[in-house]
Amino acid sequence: MSIRTTESRPVRVLLIALALGFMALFLVMPLAAVFTEALRKGWDAYWEALKEPDAWSAIRLTLITAAVAVPLNLVFGVAAAWAVAKFDFKGKSFLITLIDLPFSVSPVVAGLIYVLVFGAQGWLGPWLAEHDIKIVFAVPGIILATIFVTFPFIARELIPLMQAQGNDEEQAAQVLGASGWQTFWYVTLPNIKWGLIYGVILCNARAMGEFGAVSVVSGHIRGQTNTMPLHVEILYNEYQSVAAFAVASLLALLALVTLAIKSAVEWRHERELKAAAELPPEAPSQAPTPAPLVLKEAP
């Protein structure tokens, strides 16, 4: 008696059609609508919207924020993941909870936290005002808020990977005389490179598209503290739909580039895994056969 292991052909066609229809309705059509609206008045209006000084300022601030937040999260994420996955210490569960905290806190609340701490009426506000240091409603506040909301991505991508790999190779390197830095650079880092790249891609995508926390701490000062998402909101509220969708199309292009890089990383990783699985096992090294021992008679 044969056992059916797959659905019938009509059911499979129906499920595939539903999945493709869902993707077309909720993914492809909104993306197409963004570019359609951005080019509704032609390329001249599109380029004019992107040539605005406020638009360039928003683009520049978005890139600066990502360029600062992502490397810092890279360092902090790798250090936190190594500490959690490779060592046992008191407070380990508390550290994991702190890493997951931005996932459970609303981005708006995260931005409000920085306002309460660094704002004019906050805990450190008077001291910062005396020393003419601006955090809130300035670029440092935007960077801090972005770092907070994007911190877990790299750490959470690396912790399960490092835990699955175990400590055997690191311990072997230390037994052979490698220092802690040499162990990390030559053993741990090559083993986590693909997970690290994947986490950096996700962190960068969230950093460039963050809205809630940045909206609270930015102050919406045009040409100074508006990132691209905030600039899109302002233009849309002012009924400048073509300009709003033109800037939004840049964010969409950045998202598509991020997806392309992500797919390339996954493809390269799978290719390496497949190549490693197809390698023939090494033949055991055979020691040379010793020459037979010949005994000579004594004279």
C-alpha atoms as a PDB file:
ATOM      1  CA  MET A   1       0.000   0.000   0.000  1.00  0.00           C
ATOM      2  CA  SER A   2       1.472   3.361  -1.021  1.00  0.00           C
ATOM      3  CA  ILE A   3       1.536   6.248   1.470  1.00  0.00           C
ATOM      4  CA  ARG A   4       0.878   9.729   0.170  1.00  0.00           C
ATOM      5  CA  THR A   5       3.723  12.039   1.208  1.00  0.00           C
ATOM      6  CA  THR A   6       2.595  15.177  -0.632  1.00  0.00           C
ATOM      7  CA  GLU A   7      -0.632  16.989  -1.323  1.00  0.00           C
ATOM      8  CA  SER A   8      -2.490  16.439  -4.573  1.00  0.00           C
ATOM      9  CA  ARG A   9      -1.608  18.616  -7.551  1.00  0.00           C
ATOM     10  CA  PRO A  10      -4.716  20.869  -7.333  1.00  0.00           C
ATOM     11  CA  VAL A  11      -4.039  21.539  -3.646  1.00  0.00           C
ATOM     12  CA  ARG A  12      -0.415  22.401  -4.330  1.00  0.00           C
ATOM     13  CA  VAL A  13      -1.383  24.736  -7.172  1.00  0.00           C
ATOM     14  CA  LEU A  14      -3.954  26.431  -4.942  1.00  0.00           C
ATOM     15  CA  LEU A  15      -1.496  26.913  -2.057  1.00  0.00           C
ATOM     16  CA  ILE A  16       1.216  28.270  -4.374  1.00  0.00           C
ATOM     17  CA  ALA A  17      -1.290  30.630  -5.999  1.00  0.00           C
ATOM     18  CA  LEU A  18      -2.424  31.887  -2.575  1.00  0.00           C
ATOM     19  CA  ALA A  19       1.186  32.470  -1.486  1.00  0.00           C
ATOM     20  CA  LEU A  20       2.060  34.325  -4.695  1.00  0.00           C
ATOM     21  CA  GLY A  21      -1.131  36.364  -4.481  1.00  0.00           C
ATOM     22  CA  PHE A  22      -0.372  37.320  -0.888  1.00  0.00           C
ATOM     23  CA  MET A  23       3.158  38.388  -1.815  1.00  0.00           C
ATOM     24  CA  ALA A  24       1.900  40.391  -4.794  1.00  0.00           C
ATOM     25  CA  LEU A  25      -0.771  42.132  -2.720  1.00  0.00           C
ATOM     26  CA  PHE A  26       1.255  42.972   0.377  1.00  0.00           C
ATOM     27  CA  LEU A  27       4.832  43.197  -0.941  1.00  0.00           C
ATOM     28  CA  VAL A  28       5.043  43.862  -4.669  1.00  0.00           C
ATOM     29  CA  MET A  29       2.107  46.254  -5.058  1.00  0.00           C
ATOM     30  CA  PRO A  30       3.145  48.639  -2.225  1.00  0.00           C
ATOM     31  CA  LEU A  31       6.691  48.712  -3.580  1.00  0.00           C
ATOM     32  CA  ALA A  32       5.418  49.401  -7.086  1.00  0.00           C
ATOM     33  CA  ALA A  33       3.107  52.103  -5.726  1.00  0.00           C
ATOM     34  CA  VAL A  34       6.059  53.905  -4.104  1.00  0.00           C
ATOM     35  CA  PHE A  35       8.009  54.147  -7.376  1.00  0.00           C
ATOM     36  CA  THR A  36       4.871  54.940  -9.373  1.00  0.00           C
ATOM     37  CA  GLU A  37       3.956  57.862  -7.136  1.00  0.00           C
ATOM     38  CA  ALA A  38       7.582  59.060  -7.025  1.00  0.00           C
ATOM     39  CA  LEU A  39       7.703  59.228 -10.841  1.00  0.00           C
ATOM     40  CA  ARG A  40       4.129  60.415 -11.347  1.00  0.00           C
ATOM     41  CA  LYS A  41       5.284  63.881 -12.499  1.00  0.00           C
ATOM     42  CA  GLY A  42       8.317  62.644 -14.387  1.00  0.00           C
ATOM     43  CA  TRP A  43      12.032  62.339 -13.763  1.00  0.00           C
ATOM     44  CA  ASP A  44      12.548  66.099 -13.509  1.00  0.00           C
ATOM     45  CA  ALA A  45      10.241  66.411 -10.499  1.00  0.00           C
ATOM     46  CA  TYR A  46      11.825  63.292  -9.010  1.00  0.00           C
ATOM     47  CA  TRP A  47      15.355  64.668  -9.211  1.00  0.00           C
ATOM     48  CA  GLU A  48      14.261  68.086  -8.031  1.00  0.00           C
ATOM     49  CA  ALA A  49      12.780  66.516  -4.895  1.00  0.00           C
ATOM     50  CA  LEU A  50      16.060  64.712  -4.197  1.00  0.00           C
ATOM     51  CA  LYS A  51      18.178  67.813  -4.871  1.00  0.00           C
ATOM     52  CA  GLU A  52      16.545  69.761  -2.065  1.00  0.00           C
ATOM     53  CA  PRO A  53      19.000  70.763   0.699  1.00  0.00           C
ATOM     54  CA  ASP A  54      16.681  69.324   3.350  1.00  0.00           C
ATOM     55  CA  ALA A  55      16.523  66.014   1.485  1.00  0.00           C
ATOM     56  CA  TRP A  56      20.313  65.846   1.191  1.00  0.00           C
ATOM     57  CA  SER A  57      20.628  66.691   4.869  1.00  0.00           C
ATOM     58  CA  ALA A  58      18.233  63.839   5.759  1.00  0.00           C
ATOM     59  CA  ILE A  59      20.119  61.393   3.548  1.00  0.00           C
ATOM     60  CA  ARG A  60      23.476  62.442   4.993  1.00  0.00           C
ATOM     61  CA  LEU A  61      22.228  62.181   8.594  1.00  0.00           C
ATOM     62  CA  THR A  62      20.759  58.721   7.921  1.00  0.00           C
ATOM     63  CA  LEU A  63      24.056  57.472   6.516  1.00  0.00           C
ATOM     64  CA  ILE A  64      26.053  59.028   9.372  1.00  0.00           C
ATOM     65  CA  THR A  65      23.771  57.456  11.956  1.00  0.00           C
ATOM     66  CA  ALA A  66      24.099  54.017  10.377  1.00  0.00           C
ATOM     67  CA  ALA A  67      27.865  54.446   9.929  1.00  0.00           C
ATOM     68  CA  VAL A  68      28.281  55.117  13.674  1.00  0.00           C
ATOM     69  CA  ALA A  69      25.623  52.815  15.144  1.00  0.00           C
ATOM     70  CA  VAL A  70      26.423  49.671  13.146  1.00  0.00           C
ATOM     71  CA  PRO A  71      30.182  49.451  13.979  1.00  0.00           C
ATOM     72  CA  LEU A  72      29.480  50.124  17.668  1.00  0.00           C
ATOM     73  CA  ASN A  73      26.801  47.435  17.724  1.00  0.00           C
ATOM     74  CA  LEU A  74      29.223  45.153  15.900  1.00  0.00           C
ATOM     75  CA  VAL A  75      31.797  45.494  18.679  1.00  0.00           C
ATOM     76  CA  PHE A  76      29.269  45.317  21.523  1.00  0.00           C
ATOM     77  CA  GLY A  77      27.330  42.464  19.902  1.00  0.00           C
ATOM     78  CA  VAL A  78      30.374  40.272  19.316  1.00  0.00           C
ATOM     79  CA  ALA A  79      31.677  40.900  22.838  1.00  0.00           C
ATOM     80  CA  ALA A  80      28.284  40.159  24.416  1.00  0.00           C
ATOM     81  CA  ALA A  81      27.758  37.036  22.305  1.00  0.00           C
ATOM     82  CA  TRP A  82      31.226  35.698  23.144  1.00  0.00           C
ATOM     83  CA  ALA A  83      30.689  36.333  26.854  1.00  0.00           C
ATOM     84  CA  VAL A  84      27.297  34.613  26.857  1.00  0.00           C
ATOM     85  CA  ALA A  85      28.151  31.661  24.624  1.00  0.00           C
ATOM     86  CA  LYS A  86      31.708  30.856  25.679  1.00  0.00           C
ATOM     87  CA  PHE A  87      31.780  31.554  29.439  1.00  0.00           C
ATOM     88  CA  ASP A  88      29.750  30.807  32.565  1.00  0.00           C
ATOM     89  CA  PHE A  89      29.497  33.598  35.121  1.00  0.00           C
ATOM     90  CA  LYS A  90      27.098  35.113  37.604  1.00  0.00           C
ATOM     91  CA  GLY A  91      24.563  37.430  36.022  1.00  0.00           C
ATOM     92  CA  LYS A  92      24.592  35.659  32.668  1.00  0.00           C
ATOM     93  CA  SER A  93      20.786  35.428  32.528  1.00  0.00           C
ATOM     94  CA  PHE A  94      20.537  39.101  33.464  1.00  0.00           C
ATOM     95  CA  LEU A  95      22.877  40.033  30.604  1.00  0.00           C
ATOM     96  CA  ILE A  96      20.741  38.055  28.140  1.00  0.00           C
ATOM     97  CA  THR A  97      17.663  39.868  29.446  1.00  0.00           C
ATOM     98  CA  LEU A  98      19.357  43.236  28.885  1.00  0.00           C
ATOM     99  CA  ILE A  99      20.261  42.231  25.331  1.00  0.00           C
ATOM    100  CA  ASP A 100      16.608  41.343  24.635  1.00  0.00           C
ATOM    101  CA  LEU A 101      15.291  44.508  26.293  1.00  0.00           C
ATOM    102  CA  PRO A 102      15.049  46.622  23.089  1.00  0.00           C
ATOM    103  CA  PHE A 103      12.845  43.912  21.557  1.00  0.00           C
ATOM    104  CA  SER A 104      10.292  44.255  24.355  1.00  0.00           C
ATOM    105  CA  VAL A 105      10.359  48.051  24.743  1.00  0.00           C
ATOM    106  CA  SER A 106       8.501  50.245  22.276  1.00  0.00           C
ATOM    107  CA  PRO A 107      10.853  52.442  20.211  1.00  0.00           C
ATOM    108  CA  VAL A 108       8.827  55.492  21.280  1.00  0.00           C
ATOM    109  CA  VAL A 109       9.408  54.605  24.926  1.00  0.00           C
ATOM    110  CA  ALA A 110      13.102  54.121  24.177  1.00  0.00           C
ATOM    111  CA  GLY A 111      13.284  57.633  22.748  1.00  0.00           C
ATOM    112  CA  LEU A 112      11.389  59.001  25.731  1.00  0.00           C
ATOM    113  CA  ILE A 113      13.960  57.424  28.047  1.00  0.00           C
ATOM    114  CA  TYR A 114      16.710  59.527  26.465  1.00  0.00           C
ATOM    115  CA  VAL A 115      14.579  62.654  26.730  1.00  0.00           C
ATOM    116  CA  LEU A 116      14.023  61.998  30.452  1.00  0.00           C
ATOM    117  CA  VAL A 117      17.740  61.439  31.026  1.00  0.00           C
ATOM    118  CA  PHE A 118      19.380  63.998  28.724  1.00  0.00           C
ATOM    119  CA  GLY A 119      16.572  66.517  28.161  1.00  0.00           C
ATOM    120  CA  ALA A 120      16.487  70.032  29.593  1.00  0.00           C
ATOM    121  CA  GLN A 121      14.332  68.859  32.502  1.00  0.00           C
ATOM    122  CA  GLY A 122      16.000  65.450  32.749  1.00  0.00           C
ATOM    123  CA  TRP A 123      18.448  64.015  35.229  1.00  0.00           C
ATOM    124  CA  LEU A 124      21.547  65.206  33.380  1.00  0.00           C
ATOM    125  CA  GLY A 125      19.921  68.134  31.559  1.00  0.00           C
ATOM    126  CA  PRO A 126      21.168  70.992  33.799  1.00  0.00           C
ATOM    127  CA  TRP A 127      24.749  69.666  33.827  1.00  0.00           C
ATOM    128  CA  LEU A 128      24.746  69.261  30.030  1.00  0.00           C
ATOM    129  CA  ALA A 129      23.355  72.781  29.605  1.00  0.00           C
ATOM    130  CA  GLU A 130      26.106  74.230  31.815  1.00  0.00           C
ATOM    131  CA  HIS A 131      28.769  72.571  29.673  1.00  0.00           C
ATOM    132  CA  ASP A 132      27.004  73.384  26.366  1.00  0.00           C
ATOM    133  CA  ILE A 133      26.606  69.697  25.440  1.00  0.00           C
ATOM    134  CA  LYS A 134      23.604  68.827  23.296  1.00  0.00           C
ATOM    135  CA  ILE A 135      22.290  65.260  23.291  1.00  0.00           C
ATOM    136  CA  VAL A 136      18.535  65.462  22.799  1.00  0.00           C
ATOM    137  CA  PHE A 137      17.294  67.264  19.657  1.00  0.00           C
ATOM    138  CA  ALA A 138      20.748  66.812  18.178  1.00  0.00           C
ATOM    139  CA  VAL A 139      22.735  64.207  16.270  1.00  0.00           C
ATOM    140  CA  PRO A 140      24.162  62.428  19.390  1.00  0.00           C
ATOM    141  CA  GLY A 141      20.645  61.690  20.652  1.00  0.00           C
ATOM    142  CA  ILE A 142      19.640  60.226  17.291  1.00  0.00           C
ATOM    143  CA  ILE A 143      22.711  57.988  17.271  1.00  0.00           C
ATOM    144  CA  LEU A 144      22.127  56.842  20.871  1.00  0.00           C
ATOM    145  CA  ALA A 145      18.478  56.024  20.178  1.00  0.00           C
ATOM    146  CA  THR A 146      19.448  54.103  17.041  1.00  0.00           C
ATOM    147  CA  ILE A 147      22.113  52.141  18.911  1.00  0.00           C
ATOM    148  CA  PHE A 148      19.553  51.187  21.565  1.00  0.00           C
ATOM    149  CA  VAL A 149      16.944  49.814  19.169  1.00  0.00           C
ATOM    150  CA  THR A 150      19.474  47.976  16.967  1.00  0.00           C
ATOM    151  CA  PHE A 151      21.725  46.513  19.664  1.00  0.00           C
ATOM    152  CA  PRO A 152      20.149  43.014  19.863  1.00  0.00           C
ATOM    153  CA  PHE A 153      20.405  42.133  16.169  1.00  0.00           C
ATOM    154  CA  ILE A 154      24.076  41.161  15.994  1.00  0.00           C
ATOM    155  CA  ALA A 155      24.263  39.661  19.483  1.00  0.00           C
ATOM    156  CA  ARG A 156      21.096  37.598  19.025  1.00  0.00           C
ATOM    157  CA  GLU A 157      22.330  36.369  15.653  1.00  0.00           C
ATOM    158  CA  LEU A 158      25.652  35.182  17.089  1.00  0.00           C
ATOM    159  CA  ILE A 159      24.649  33.707  20.470  1.00  0.00           C
ATOM    160  CA  PRO A 160      22.868  30.573  19.127  1.00  0.00           C
ATOM    161  CA  LEU A 161      25.602  30.074  16.529  1.00  0.00           C
ATOM    162  CA  MET A 162      28.404  30.240  19.108  1.00  0.00           C
ATOM    163  CA  GLN A 163      26.506  28.004  21.526  1.00  0.00           C
ATOM    164  CA  ALA A 164      26.018  25.383  18.804  1.00  0.00           C
ATOM    165  CA  GLN A 165      29.720  25.457  17.917  1.00  0.00           C
ATOM    166  CA  GLY A 166      30.812  24.859  21.510  1.00  0.00           C
ATOM    167  CA  ASN A 167      34.188  25.586  23.076  1.00  0.00           C
ATOM    168  CA  ASP A 168      36.252  22.653  21.815  1.00  0.00           C
ATOM    169  CA  GLU A 169      38.242  24.535  19.190  1.00  0.00           C
ATOM    170  CA  GLU A 170      38.920  27.487  21.501  1.00  0.00           C
ATOM    171  CA  GLN A 171      40.117  25.186  24.268  1.00  0.00           C
ATOM    172  CA  ALA A 172      42.356  23.329  21.827  1.00  0.00           C
ATOM    173  CA  ALA A 173      43.888  26.625  20.685  1.00  0.00           C
ATOM    174  CA  GLN A 174      44.568  27.681  24.268  1.00  0.00           C
ATOM    175  CA  VAL A 175      46.161  24.314  25.049  1.00  0.00           C
ATOM    176  CA  LEU A 176      48.484  24.855  22.082  1.00  0.00           C
ATOM    177  CA  GLY A 177      49.566  28.203  23.573  1.00  0.00           C
ATOM    178  CA  ALA A 178      47.350  30.718  21.765  1.00  0.00           C
ATOM    179  CA  SER A 179      46.431  33.889  23.621  1.00  0.00           C
ATOM    180  CA  GLY A 180      42.835  35.043  24.063  1.00  0.00           C
ATOM    181  CA  TRP A 181      43.077  37.499  21.173  1.00  0.00           C
ATOM    182  CA  GLN A 182      44.709  34.921  18.890  1.00  0.00           C
ATOM    183  CA  THR A 183      42.013  32.415  19.784  1.00  0.00           C
ATOM    184  CA  PHE A 184      39.281  34.885  18.895  1.00  0.00           C
ATOM    185  CA  TRP A 185      40.915  36.162  15.699  1.00  0.00           C
ATOM    186  CA  TYR A 186      42.016  32.848  14.198  1.00  0.00           C
ATOM    187  CA  VAL A 187      39.435  30.403  15.608  1.00  0.00           C
ATOM    188  CA  THR A 188      36.210  32.080  16.731  1.00  0.00           C
ATOM    189  CA  LEU A 189      35.913  34.832  14.113  1.00  0.00           C
ATOM    190  CA  PRO A 190      36.260  32.579  11.027  1.00  0.00           C
ATOM    191  CA  ASN A 191      33.593  30.270  12.461  1.00  0.00           C
ATOM    192  CA  ILE A 192      31.052  33.073  12.938  1.00  0.00           C
ATOM    193  CA  LYS A 193      31.798  35.233   9.889  1.00  0.00           C
ATOM    194  CA  TRP A 194      28.594  34.430   7.992  1.00  0.00           C
ATOM    195  CA  GLY A 195      26.360  34.910  11.021  1.00  0.00           C
ATOM    196  CA  LEU A 196      28.211  38.139  11.777  1.00  0.00           C
ATOM    197  CA  ILE A 197      27.694  39.476   8.250  1.00  0.00           C
ATOM    198  CA  TYR A 198      24.009  38.531   8.385  1.00  0.00           C
ATOM    199  CA  GLY A 199      23.581  40.332  11.706  1.00  0.00           C
ATOM    200  CA  VAL A 200      25.333  43.446  10.383  1.00  0.00           C
ATOM    201  CA  ILE A 201      22.982  43.519   7.381  1.00  0.00           C
ATOM    202  CA  LEU A 202      19.893  43.347   9.599  1.00  0.00           C
ATOM    203  CA  CYS A 203      21.308  45.938  11.996  1.00  0.00           C
ATOM    204  CA  ASN A 204      22.083  48.336   9.153  1.00  0.00           C
ATOM    205  CA  ALA A 205      18.607  47.950   7.661  1.00  0.00           C
ATOM    206  CA  ARG A 206      16.942  48.732  10.989  1.00  0.00           C
ATOM    207  CA  ALA A 207      19.282  51.662  11.653  1.00  0.00           C
ATOM    208  CA  MET A 208      18.436  53.367   8.367  1.00  0.00           C
ATOM    209  CA  GLY A 209      14.703  52.770   8.682  1.00  0.00           C
ATOM    210  CA  GLU A 210      14.176  53.531  12.392  1.00  0.00           C
ATOM    211  CA  PHE A 211      11.358  55.981  13.004  1.00  0.00           C
ATOM    212  CA  GLY A 212       9.828  55.793  16.498  1.00  0.00           C
ATOM    213  CA  ALA A 213      12.807  56.371  18.788  1.00  0.00           C
ATOM    214  CA  VAL A 214      14.454  58.850  16.418  1.00  0.00           C
ATOM    215  CA  SER A 215      11.208  60.799  16.078  1.00  0.00           C
ATOM    216  CA  VAL A 216      11.105  61.420  19.838  1.00  0.00           C
ATOM    217  CA  VAL A 217      14.702  62.590  20.281  1.00  0.00           C
ATOM    218  CA  SER A 218      15.181  64.474  17.000  1.00  0.00           C
ATOM    219  CA  GLY A 219      12.902  67.463  17.529  1.00  0.00           C
ATOM    220  CA  HIS A 220      12.009  67.398  13.787  1.00  0.00           C
ATOM    221  CA  ILE A 221      14.365  70.260  12.941  1.00  0.00           C
ATOM    222  CA  ARG A 222      14.437  70.446   9.164  1.00  0.00           C
ATOM    223  CA  GLY A 223      17.883  70.325   7.673  1.00  0.00           C
ATOM    224  CA  GLN A 224      19.480  69.347  10.987  1.00  0.00           C
ATOM    225  CA  THR A 225      17.879  66.446  12.867  1.00  0.00           C
ATOM    226  CA  ASN A 226      15.558  64.855  10.315  1.00  0.00           C
ATOM    227  CA  THR A 227      16.506  61.426   9.018  1.00  0.00           C
ATOM    228  CA  MET A 228      14.999  60.039   5.831  1.00  0.00           C
ATOM    229  CA  PRO A 229      11.935  58.433   7.477  1.00  0.00           C
ATOM    230  CA  LEU A 230      11.192  61.655   9.375  1.00  0.00           C
ATOM    231  CA  HIS A 231      11.677  63.735   6.225  1.00  0.00           C
ATOM    232  CA  VAL A 232       9.208  61.520   4.357  1.00  0.00           C
ATOM    233  CA  GLU A 233       6.617  62.057   7.107  1.00  0.00           C
ATOM    234  CA  ILE A 234       7.033  65.845   7.034  1.00  0.00           C
ATOM    235  CA  LEU A 235       6.744  66.030   3.244  1.00  0.00           C
ATOM    236  CA  TYR A 236       3.676  63.805   3.211  1.00  0.00           C
ATOM    237  CA  ASN A 237       1.978  65.858   5.927  1.00  0.00           C
ATOM    238  CA  GLU A 238       2.632  68.960   3.832  1.00  0.00           C
ATOM    239  CA  TYR A 239       0.909  67.291   0.832  1.00  0.00           C
ATOM    240  CA  GLN A 240       4.149  67.128  -1.140  1.00  0.00           C
ATOM    241  CA  SER A 241       3.415  63.579  -2.215  1.00  0.00           C
ATOM    242  CA  VAL A 242       5.880  63.404  -5.107  1.00  0.00           C
ATOM    243  CA  ALA A 243       8.779  64.600  -2.951  1.00  0.00           C
ATOM    244  CA  ALA A 244       7.722  62.298  -0.111  1.00  0.00           C
ATOM    245  CA  PHE A 245       7.580  59.247  -2.367  1.00  0.00           C
ATOM    246  CA  ALA A 246      10.845  60.231  -4.052  1.00  0.00           C
ATOM    247  CA  VAL A 247      12.693  60.086  -0.726  1.00  0.00           C
ATOM    248  CA  ALA A 248      10.739  56.966   0.217  1.00  0.00           C
ATOM    249  CA  SER A 249      11.902  55.343  -3.019  1.00  0.00           C
ATOM    250  CA  LEU A 250      15.502  55.773  -1.829  1.00  0.00           C
ATOM    251  CA  LEU A 251      14.644  53.886   1.340  1.00  0.00           C
ATOM    252  CA  ALA A 252      12.985  51.214  -0.790  1.00  0.00           C
ATOM    253  CA  LEU A 253      16.097  50.950  -2.956  1.00  0.00           C
ATOM    254  CA  LEU A 254      18.234  50.607   0.163  1.00  0.00           C
ATOM    255  CA  ALA A 255      15.911  47.825   1.328  1.00  0.00           C
ATOM    256  CA  LEU A 256      16.235  46.040  -2.022  1.00  0.00           C
ATOM    257  CA  VAL A 257      20.023  46.357  -1.911  1.00  0.00           C
ATOM    258  CA  THR A 258      19.966  44.958   1.629  1.00  0.00           C
ATOM    259  CA  LEU A 259      17.865  42.003   0.498  1.00  0.00           C
ATOM    260  CA  ALA A 260      20.223  41.372  -2.426  1.00  0.00           C
ATOM    261  CA  ILE A 261      23.261  41.380  -0.131  1.00  0.00           C
ATOM    262  CA  LYS A 262      21.438  39.128   2.334  1.00  0.00           C
ATOM    263  CA  SER A 263      20.572  36.661  -0.445  1.00  0.00           C
ATOM    264  CA  ALA A 264      24.145  36.711  -1.719  1.00  0.00           C
ATOM    265  CA  VAL A 265      25.484  36.003   1.774  1.00  0.00           C
ATOM    266  CA  GLU A 266      23.050  33.116   2.264  1.00  0.00           C
ATOM    267  CA  TRP A 267      23.907  31.691  -1.170  1.00  0.00           C
ATOM    268  CA  ARG A 268      27.649  31.905  -0.491  1.00  0.00           C
ATOM    269  CA  HIS A 269      27.207  30.294   2.925  1.00  0.00           C
ATOM    270  CA  GLU A 270      25.146  27.417   1.519  1.00  0.00           C
ATOM    271  CA  ARG A 271      27.705  26.953  -1.238  1.00  0.00           C
ATOM    272  CA  GLU A 272      30.529  26.652   1.270  1.00  0.00           C
ATOM    273  CA  LEU A 273      28.535  24.189   3.378  1.00  0.00           C
ATOM    274  CA  LYS A 274      27.760  22.100   0.292  1.00  0.00           C
ATOM    275  CA  ALA A 275      31.397  22.137  -0.813  1.00  0.00           C
ATOM    276  CA  ALA A 276      32.527  21.099   2.673  1.00  0.00           C
ATOM    277  CA  ALA A 277      29.985  18.241   2.727  1.00  0.00           C
ATOM    278  CA  GLU A 278      31.170  16.936  -0.659  1.00  0.00           C
ATOM    279  CA  LEU A 279      34.837  16.786   0.353  1.00  0.00           C
ATOM    280  CA  PRO A 280      36.053  13.166   0.565  1.00  0.00           C
ATOM    281  CA  PRO A 281      37.198  12.075   4.006  1.00  0.00           C
ATOM    282  CA  GLU A 282      40.916  12.243   4.489  1.00  0.00           C
ATOM    283  CA  ALA A 283      42.647   8.894   4.318  1.00  0.00           C
ATOM    284  CA  PRO A 284      44.293   7.935   7.594  1.00  0.00           C
ATOM    285  CA  SER A 285      47.997   8.489   7.477  1.00  0.00           C
ATOM    286  CA  GLN A 286      49.922   5.222   7.482  1.00  0.00           C
ATOM    287  CA  ALA A 287      53.229   4.998   9.256  1.00  0.00           C
ATOM    288  CA  PRO A 288      56.061   3.468   7.236  1.00  0.00           C
ATOM    289  CA  THR A 289      56.496  -0.269   7.796  1.00  0.00           C
ATOM    290  CA  PRO A 290      59.591  -0.824   9.854  1.00  0.00           C
ATOM    291  CA  ALA A 291      62.346  -2.913   8.351  1.00  0.00           C
ATOM    292  CA  PRO A 292      62.549  -6.486   9.646  1.00  0.00           C
ATOM    293  CA  LEU A 293      64.982  -7.025  12.452  1.00  0.00           C
ATOM    294  CA  VAL A 294      67.868  -9.313  11.455  1.00  0.00           C
ATOM    295  CA  LEU A 295      69.789 -11.063  14.203  1.00  0.00           C
ATOM    296  CA  LYS A 296      73.381 -11.987  13.473  1.00  0.00           C
ATOM    297  CA  GLU A 297      75.072 -14.889  15.158  1.00  0.00           C
ATOM    298  CA  ALA A 298      77.951 -14.068  17.388  1.00  0.00           C
ATOM    299  CA  PRO A 299      81.333 -15.209  16.002  1.00  0.00           C
END
